[in-house]
Amino acid sequence: MHINEKTLALLKAEVQKIERLIQIQKDNLNNPGCPVYEEVLDTQIFGLSRIIDFTVQLDLISAEKGKGILNELERRLV
């Protein structure tokens, strides 16, 4: 597997992990407006954005691809 493909696969796995975590929060809190839910969401999105920034700096993915990954995740979670 080429390093760029591996990078995208790892980022997609991270996105799936975040989606599962957020779904668990939704299921247990029953209130997406809850401060705890918002804190978990913000923390996870921030962490992913830092990982994406790092991979962009290494030229493993394009900035546009990174923004697309974040935008798609935010669209699905909100």
C-alpha atoms as a PDB file:
ATOM      1  CA  MET A   1       0.000   0.000   0.000  1.00  0.00           C
ATOM      2  CA  HIS A   2       1.361   3.417  -0.939  1.00  0.00           C
ATOM      3  CA  ILE A   3       2.003   5.758   2.021  1.00  0.00           C
ATOM      4  CA  ASN A   4      -0.660   8.253   0.869  1.00  0.00           C
ATOM      5  CA  GLU A   5      -3.256   5.474   0.659  1.00  0.00           C
ATOM      6  CA  LYS A   6      -2.216   4.203   4.078  1.00  0.00           C
ATOM      7  CA  THR A   7      -2.518   7.741   5.473  1.00  0.00           C
ATOM      8  CA  LEU A   8      -6.062   8.067   4.107  1.00  0.00           C
ATOM      9  CA  ALA A   9      -6.987   4.642   5.477  1.00  0.00           C
ATOM     10  CA  LEU A  10      -5.717   5.598   8.934  1.00  0.00           C
ATOM     11  CA  LEU A  11      -7.603   8.912   8.828  1.00  0.00           C
ATOM     12  CA  LYS A  12     -10.799   7.131   7.788  1.00  0.00           C
ATOM     13  CA  ALA A  13     -10.367   4.682  10.681  1.00  0.00           C
ATOM     14  CA  GLU A  14      -9.967   7.637  13.056  1.00  0.00           C
ATOM     15  CA  VAL A  15     -13.146   9.215  11.652  1.00  0.00           C
ATOM     16  CA  GLN A  16     -15.040   5.963  12.199  1.00  0.00           C
ATOM     17  CA  LYS A  17     -13.757   5.781  15.784  1.00  0.00           C
ATOM     18  CA  ILE A  18     -14.974   9.328  16.428  1.00  0.00           C
ATOM     19  CA  GLU A  19     -18.356   8.566  14.896  1.00  0.00           C
ATOM     20  CA  ARG A  20     -18.753   5.492  17.134  1.00  0.00           C
ATOM     21  CA  LEU A  21     -17.767   7.488  20.221  1.00  0.00           C
ATOM     22  CA  ILE A  22     -20.212  10.269  19.393  1.00  0.00           C
ATOM     23  CA  GLN A  23     -22.992   7.741  18.729  1.00  0.00           C
ATOM     24  CA  ILE A  24     -22.367   6.198  22.147  1.00  0.00           C
ATOM     25  CA  GLN A  25     -22.577   9.668  23.695  1.00  0.00           C
ATOM     26  CA  LYS A  26     -25.855  10.351  21.874  1.00  0.00           C
ATOM     27  CA  ASP A  27     -27.309   6.991  22.929  1.00  0.00           C
ATOM     28  CA  ASN A  28     -26.350   7.426  26.582  1.00  0.00           C
ATOM     29  CA  LEU A  29     -27.041  11.117  27.051  1.00  0.00           C
ATOM     30  CA  ASN A  30     -30.160  11.341  24.874  1.00  0.00           C
ATOM     31  CA  ASN A  31     -29.424  15.044  24.485  1.00  0.00           C
ATOM     32  CA  PRO A  32     -27.018  16.198  21.765  1.00  0.00           C
ATOM     33  CA  GLY A  33     -27.177  19.723  23.233  1.00  0.00           C
ATOM     34  CA  CYS A  34     -25.668  18.484  26.505  1.00  0.00           C
ATOM     35  CA  PRO A  35     -22.384  20.221  27.458  1.00  0.00           C
ATOM     36  CA  VAL A  36     -20.663  16.857  27.936  1.00  0.00           C
ATOM     37  CA  TYR A  37     -21.660  15.791  24.416  1.00  0.00           C
ATOM     38  CA  GLU A  38     -20.463  19.104  22.984  1.00  0.00           C
ATOM     39  CA  GLU A  39     -17.153  18.824  24.860  1.00  0.00           C
ATOM     40  CA  VAL A  40     -16.496  15.301  23.585  1.00  0.00           C
ATOM     41  CA  LEU A  41     -17.395  16.344  20.049  1.00  0.00           C
ATOM     42  CA  ASP A  42     -15.196  19.446  20.136  1.00  0.00           C
ATOM     43  CA  THR A  43     -12.258  17.547  21.630  1.00  0.00           C
ATOM     44  CA  GLN A  44     -12.446  14.751  19.069  1.00  0.00           C
ATOM     45  CA  ILE A  45     -12.818  17.127  16.108  1.00  0.00           C
ATOM     46  CA  PHE A  46      -9.895  19.225  17.361  1.00  0.00           C
ATOM     47  CA  GLY A  47      -7.692  16.152  17.750  1.00  0.00           C
ATOM     48  CA  LEU A  48      -8.539  14.951  14.254  1.00  0.00           C
ATOM     49  CA  SER A  49      -7.878  18.394  12.811  1.00  0.00           C
ATOM     50  CA  ARG A  50      -4.380  18.362  14.359  1.00  0.00           C
ATOM     51  CA  ILE A  51      -3.682  14.941  12.854  1.00  0.00           C
ATOM     52  CA  ILE A  52      -4.900  16.165   9.473  1.00  0.00           C
ATOM     53  CA  ASP A  53      -2.761  19.313   9.714  1.00  0.00           C
ATOM     54  CA  PHE A  54       0.266  17.135  10.425  1.00  0.00           C
ATOM     55  CA  THR A  55      -0.394  14.844   7.453  1.00  0.00           C
ATOM     56  CA  VAL A  56      -0.869  17.883   5.207  1.00  0.00           C
ATOM     57  CA  GLN A  57       2.462  19.331   6.380  1.00  0.00           C
ATOM     58  CA  LEU A  58       4.134  16.040   5.491  1.00  0.00           C
ATOM     59  CA  ASP A  59       2.493  16.191   2.031  1.00  0.00           C
ATOM     60  CA  LEU A  60       0.750  12.883   2.666  1.00  0.00           C
ATOM     61  CA  ILE A  61      -2.640  14.373   1.786  1.00  0.00           C
ATOM     62  CA  SER A  62      -3.700  17.661   0.239  1.00  0.00           C
ATOM     63  CA  ALA A  63      -5.139  20.476   2.326  1.00  0.00           C
ATOM     64  CA  GLU A  64      -8.366  20.185   0.296  1.00  0.00           C
ATOM     65  CA  LYS A  65      -8.629  16.466   1.071  1.00  0.00           C
ATOM     66  CA  GLY A  66      -8.077  17.166   4.775  1.00  0.00           C
ATOM     67  CA  LYS A  67     -10.750  19.865   4.826  1.00  0.00           C
ATOM     68  CA  GLY A  68     -13.082  17.500   3.017  1.00  0.00           C
ATOM     69  CA  ILE A  69     -12.587  14.799   5.653  1.00  0.00           C
ATOM     70  CA  LEU A  70     -13.360  17.239   8.483  1.00  0.00           C
ATOM     71  CA  ASN A  71     -16.329  18.786   6.687  1.00  0.00           C
ATOM     72  CA  GLU A  72     -17.831  15.374   5.939  1.00  0.00           C
ATOM     73  CA  LEU A  73     -17.448  14.247   9.557  1.00  0.00           C
ATOM     74  CA  GLU A  74     -18.982  17.460  10.902  1.00  0.00           C
ATOM     75  CA  ARG A  75     -21.858  17.184   8.427  1.00  0.00           C
ATOM     76  CA  ARG A  76     -22.625  13.634   9.549  1.00  0.00           C
ATOM     77  CA  LEU A  77     -22.397  14.428  13.269  1.00  0.00           C
ATOM     78  CA  VAL A  78     -24.376  17.656  13.420  1.00  0.00           C
END
